C-alpha atoms as a PDB file:
ATOM      1  CA  MET A   1     103.625  90.044 111.264  1.00  0.00           C
ATOM      2  CA  GLY A   2     100.474  90.488 109.231  1.00  0.00           C
ATOM      3  CA  GLY A   3      96.951  90.594 110.592  1.00  0.00           C
ATOM      4  CA  ASP A   4      95.314  93.767 111.811  1.00  0.00           C
ATOM      5  CA  GLY A   5      98.375  95.208 113.582  1.00  0.00           C
ATOM      6  CA  PRO A   6     100.649  97.922 112.252  1.00  0.00           C
ATOM      7  CA  GLU A   7     102.964  96.963 109.409  1.00  0.00           C
ATOM      8  CA  TRP A   8     106.698  96.917 110.190  1.00  0.00           C
ATOM      9  CA  THR A   9     108.555  99.597 108.213  1.00  0.00           C
ATOM     10  CA  GLY A  10     111.881  99.776 110.055  1.00  0.00           C
ATOM     11  CA  VAL A  11     115.378 100.022 108.591  1.00  0.00           C
ATOM     12  CA  VAL A  12     115.851  96.255 108.954  1.00  0.00           C
ATOM     13  CA  SER A  13     113.713  93.855 106.936  1.00  0.00           C
ATOM     14  CA  GLU A  14     111.830  92.468 109.953  1.00  0.00           C
ATOM     15  CA  ARG A  15     111.524  92.905 113.698  1.00  0.00           C
ATOM     16  CA  LEU A  16     114.451  91.519 115.648  1.00  0.00           C
ATOM     17  CA  ARG A  17     114.154  89.322 118.726  1.00  0.00           C
ATOM     18  CA  CYS A  18     114.525  91.070 122.074  1.00  0.00           C
ATOM     19  CA  CYS A  19     118.233  91.383 122.908  1.00  0.00           C
ATOM     20  CA  VAL A  20     117.431  91.146 126.628  1.00  0.00           C
ATOM     21  CA  CYS A  21     115.030  88.175 126.883  1.00  0.00           C
ATOM     22  CA  ASP A  22     115.521  86.622 123.397  1.00  0.00           C
ATOM     23  CA  GLY A  23     111.738  86.550 123.042  1.00  0.00           C
ATOM     24  CA  SER A  24     109.713  87.362 119.955  1.00  0.00           C
ATOM     25  CA  THR A  25     108.779  91.010 119.402  1.00  0.00           C
ATOM     26  CA  ASP A  26     106.264  90.302 116.633  1.00  0.00           C
ATOM     27  CA  ASP A  27     103.211  91.545 118.551  1.00  0.00           C
ATOM     28  CA  ALA A  28     104.968  93.807 121.078  1.00  0.00           C
ATOM     29  CA  GLU A  29     103.566  97.325 121.318  1.00  0.00           C
ATOM     30  CA  ASP A  30     106.729  98.458 123.140  1.00  0.00           C
ATOM     31  CA  TYR A  31     109.211  97.294 120.466  1.00  0.00           C
ATOM     32  CA  VAL A  32     112.279  99.484 120.034  1.00  0.00           C
ATOM     33  CA  LEU A  33     115.061  99.275 117.472  1.00  0.00           C
ATOM     34  CA  ILE A  34     118.497 100.384 118.626  1.00  0.00           C
ATOM     35  CA  GLU A  35     121.373 101.309 116.325  1.00  0.00           C
ATOM     36  CA  LEU A  36     124.947 100.973 117.580  1.00  0.00           C
ATOM     37  CA  THR A  37     127.730 102.546 115.558  1.00  0.00           C
ATOM     38  CA  ALA A  38     131.511 102.386 115.662  1.00  0.00           C
ATOM     39  CA  GLU A  39     132.812 105.869 114.964  1.00  0.00           C
ATOM     40  CA  PHE A  40     136.169 104.895 113.507  1.00  0.00           C
ATOM     41  CA  SER A  41     135.064 102.001 111.284  1.00  0.00           C
ATOM     42  CA  GLY A  42     131.563 103.081 110.285  1.00  0.00           C
ATOM     43  CA  ALA A  43     130.232  99.654 111.337  1.00  0.00           C
ATOM     44  CA  ARG A  44     126.553  99.474 112.348  1.00  0.00           C
ATOM     45  CA  GLN A  45     124.717  96.930 114.495  1.00  0.00           C
ATOM     46  CA  TRP A  46     120.962  96.795 115.070  1.00  0.00           C
ATOM     47  CA  LEU A  47     119.336  95.440 118.228  1.00  0.00           C
ATOM     48  CA  GLY A  48     115.659  94.915 118.920  1.00  0.00           C
ATOM     49  CA  ALA A  49     114.133  94.988 122.394  1.00  0.00           C
ATOM     50  CA  HIS A  50     110.979  95.255 124.409  1.00  0.00           C
ATOM     51  CA  ALA A  51     111.191  98.739 125.966  1.00  0.00           C
ATOM     52  CA  GLU A  52     110.236  97.350 129.396  1.00  0.00           C
ATOM     53  CA  HIS A  53     113.087  94.834 129.253  1.00  0.00           C
ATOM     54  CA  LEU A  54     115.554  97.438 128.012  1.00  0.00           C
ATOM     55  CA  ASN A  55     114.591  99.774 130.845  1.00  0.00           C
ATOM     56  CA  SER A  56     115.284  96.976 133.336  1.00  0.00           C
ATOM     57  CA  VAL A  57     118.968  96.821 132.304  1.00  0.00           C
ATOM     58  CA  LEU A  58     119.756 100.497 131.626  1.00  0.00           C
ATOM     59  CA  ALA A  59     121.832 102.506 134.099  1.00  0.00           C
ATOM     60  CA  GLU A  60     120.010 104.740 136.555  1.00  0.00           C
ATOM     61  CA  GLY A  61     118.827 107.932 134.885  1.00  0.00           C
ATOM     62  CA  PHE A  62     118.315 106.340 131.466  1.00  0.00           C
ATOM     63  CA  SER A  63     114.953 105.159 130.178  1.00  0.00           C
ATOM     64  CA  VAL A  64     113.154 104.357 126.959  1.00  0.00           C
ATOM     65  CA  GLU A  65     109.680 105.669 126.177  1.00  0.00           C
ATOM     66  CA  VAL A  66     107.569 104.406 123.297  1.00  0.00           C
ATOM     67  CA  HIS A  67     105.392 106.872 121.407  1.00  0.00           C
ATOM     68  CA  GLN A  68     102.957 105.578 118.794  1.00  0.00           C
ATOM     69  CA  MET A  69     103.454 107.406 115.518  1.00  0.00           C
END
């Protein structure tokens, strides 16, 4: 990223592309990082997304909100 924006400090080394639109999330203010786990194997998978795009594919009653920390 760089520049004047906030520095990425997530659990992965860099922002991931949006798993819904495959677009860059470098400058997205609504970036979310999702962790999927497999209970029996301990496997972990990380997905990045624009919150707006994620909300467009979630089942009714589910939504993502972004809060600036």
